[in-house]
Structures are given as C-alpha cells and as structure tokens.
Amino acid sequence: MPNVTFTLLVLKSRQLEKLLAFYSALGLEFVDEKHGNGPQHFSAKLKDVILELYPIMDDAAPVDATTRLGFSVPDVAHVVGALKSLGIAITIGPQQTQWGYRAVTHDPDGRTVEICQH
C-alpha cells in the first residue's frame, strides 16, 4: 500500500461568507489568511487535512457542485440544529444507518455534505 496522505482541500465560492458560516456550523474553526498577492481566504485544520475556502471571481468557471464531502462530528443533532438556524435544508435524516447516525445536506454552492456521528 502506498504511503500517501490527503492534506489539502480547497473549496471556491462566489458566496464566501455563506460558505464560511455553513462549514463553521459543522464545528470547524477557521482563520483568516492572505498569502502575498493572493486573495483573502479562510483555513481550518482537521487533523492532517487543511480545508481552505477561497473566493472565486465572477468571470471564472462555474463552481463545482458535484463534489461530495463527508464529516464525522461528535453530535449530529447539534450540527443539524446549527445548519437549520442558517436556513439550510436537511436532505436526508438525521437517522441511524449502518455508517452511524447520519444526515445529508448541501452547502450553499450545492455540494452534497454528509454529516455522521459514529
């Protein structure tokens, strides 16, 4: 088996503040960053993975809504409540499944997000 680890995921959005609120509701803690002449963006550390939220220019290609993300959280019910308070609809659950207590929703850009409590 190769010794490969996943270390970085960058999500780009035209509605950065909404995306920040959504992923913060999952329990991620973001810091504001800017490197050199690059744009202001937000970064959160999840063990060995960095999740970055970047602005995308209005004239850029469409935002990718086909990506599916999964997060393990300590309390699905709490996260679902926090998302609902932002006006986010929950697509599936929460319900007990073979993978744990689970809910599925979509982030503000349409990416499917699975939230699971093992």
Protein backbone atom coordinates (compact mmCIF):
# COMPACT_ATOMS: atom_id res chain seq x y z
CA MET A 1 0.00 0.00 0.00
CA PRO A 2 1.44 3.43 -0.93
CA ASN A 3 2.35 5.83 1.81
CA VAL A 4 0.08 8.66 0.63
CA THR A 5 -1.91 11.04 2.81
CA PHE A 6 -4.56 13.58 1.92
CA THR A 7 -3.55 17.05 3.18
CA LEU A 8 -5.45 19.84 1.40
CA LEU A 9 -8.93 20.56 0.06
CA VAL A 10 -9.74 23.96 -1.44
CA LEU A 11 -13.39 24.94 -2.00
CA LYS A 12 -14.01 28.01 -4.13
CA SER A 13 -17.16 30.08 -3.93
CA ARG A 14 -18.81 33.29 -5.07
CA GLN A 15 -20.57 33.42 -1.69
CA LEU A 16 -17.62 33.01 0.64
CA GLU A 17 -19.34 34.33 3.79
CA LYS A 18 -22.23 31.84 3.42
CA LEU A 19 -19.78 29.01 2.85
CA LEU A 20 -17.80 30.09 5.92
CA ALA A 21 -20.97 30.12 8.05
CA PHE A 22 -22.01 26.68 6.76
CA TYR A 23 -18.72 24.93 7.49
CA SER A 24 -18.33 26.77 10.79
CA ALA A 25 -21.73 25.34 11.80
CA LEU A 26 -20.17 21.87 11.41
CA GLY A 27 -17.72 22.84 14.13
CA LEU A 28 -14.73 23.83 12.01
CA GLU A 29 -12.68 26.74 13.31
CA PHE A 30 -11.38 28.97 10.53
CA VAL A 31 -8.62 31.55 10.50
CA ASP A 32 -8.42 34.44 8.07
CA GLU A 33 -5.41 34.17 5.73
CA LYS A 34 -3.77 36.01 2.87
CA HIS A 35 -0.53 34.93 1.20
CA GLY A 36 1.43 37.50 -0.80
CA ASN A 37 -0.73 38.93 -3.58
CA GLY A 38 -3.32 36.13 -3.27
CA PRO A 39 -6.89 36.72 -2.15
CA GLN A 40 -8.11 36.77 1.43
CA HIS A 41 -9.40 33.29 2.29
CA PHE A 42 -10.19 31.08 5.26
CA SER A 43 -8.43 27.98 6.52
CA ALA A 44 -9.36 25.26 9.03
CA LYS A 45 -7.25 22.33 10.21
CA LEU A 46 -8.91 18.91 10.53
CA LYS A 47 -6.23 16.61 11.92
CA ASP A 48 -3.87 16.17 8.92
CA VAL A 49 -6.10 17.95 6.38
CA ILE A 50 -6.37 21.67 5.71
CA LEU A 51 -9.73 22.88 4.36
CA GLU A 52 -9.49 26.24 2.64
CA LEU A 53 -12.35 28.43 1.45
CA TYR A 54 -11.37 30.74 -1.40
CA PRO A 55 -13.30 33.39 -3.27
CA ILE A 56 -13.87 32.74 -6.96
CA MET A 57 -14.07 35.57 -9.46
CA ASP A 58 -17.42 36.25 -11.11
CA ASP A 59 -15.96 35.61 -14.57
CA ALA A 60 -14.42 32.26 -13.59
CA ALA A 61 -15.82 28.85 -14.46
CA PRO A 62 -18.90 27.66 -12.58
CA VAL A 63 -18.43 26.44 -9.02
CA ASP A 64 -18.18 22.63 -8.81
CA ALA A 65 -21.35 21.31 -7.18
CA THR A 66 -20.60 17.66 -7.97
CA THR A 67 -18.16 17.14 -5.10
CA ARG A 68 -19.47 15.10 -2.16
CA LEU A 69 -17.88 15.67 1.24
CA GLY A 70 -18.21 13.69 4.46
CA PHE A 71 -17.55 14.86 8.01
CA SER A 72 -17.53 12.94 11.27
CA VAL A 73 -18.90 15.10 14.08
CA PRO A 74 -19.45 14.44 17.80
CA ASP A 75 -23.16 15.42 17.74
CA VAL A 76 -25.18 15.26 14.50
CA ALA A 77 -28.31 16.67 16.15
CA HIS A 78 -26.40 19.76 17.29
CA VAL A 79 -24.92 20.32 13.82
CA VAL A 80 -28.31 19.83 12.14
CA GLY A 81 -29.80 22.43 14.51
CA ALA A 82 -26.99 24.88 13.73
CA LEU A 83 -27.46 24.38 9.98
CA LYS A 84 -31.25 24.80 10.22
CA SER A 85 -30.72 28.08 12.10
CA LEU A 86 -28.83 29.27 8.98
CA GLY A 87 -31.79 28.29 6.80
CA ILE A 88 -30.05 25.19 5.42
CA ALA A 89 -32.38 22.33 4.49
CA ILE A 90 -31.50 18.80 5.56
CA THR A 91 -31.97 16.40 2.63
CA ILE A 92 -31.77 13.08 4.50
CA GLY A 93 -32.14 12.29 8.20
CA PRO A 94 -30.83 12.55 10.67
CA GLN A 95 -31.28 8.82 11.01
CA GLN A 96 -29.44 5.75 12.21
CA THR A 97 -27.65 3.95 9.36
CA GLN A 98 -25.02 1.24 9.02
CA TRP A 99 -22.42 4.07 8.97
CA GLY A 100 -23.69 5.70 12.18
CA TYR A 101 -26.18 8.45 12.99
CA ARG A 102 -26.21 10.43 9.75
CA ALA A 103 -27.68 13.42 7.94
CA VAL A 104 -27.13 14.72 4.42
CA THR A 105 -27.43 18.31 3.25
CA HIS A 106 -25.97 20.68 0.65
CA ASP A 107 -23.59 23.55 1.22
CA PRO A 108 -24.52 26.99 -0.21
CA ASP A 109 -22.83 26.10 -3.52
CA GLY A 110 -24.75 22.82 -3.90
CA ARG A 111 -22.06 20.35 -2.84
CA THR A 112 -23.51 17.31 -1.06
CA VAL A 113 -22.32 17.16 2.54
CA GLU A 114 -22.72 14.07 4.70
CA ILE A 115 -22.56 14.53 8.47
CA CYS A 116 -22.05 11.38 10.51
CA GLN A 117 -21.76 10.55 14.21
CA HIS A 118 -20.04 7.19 14.70
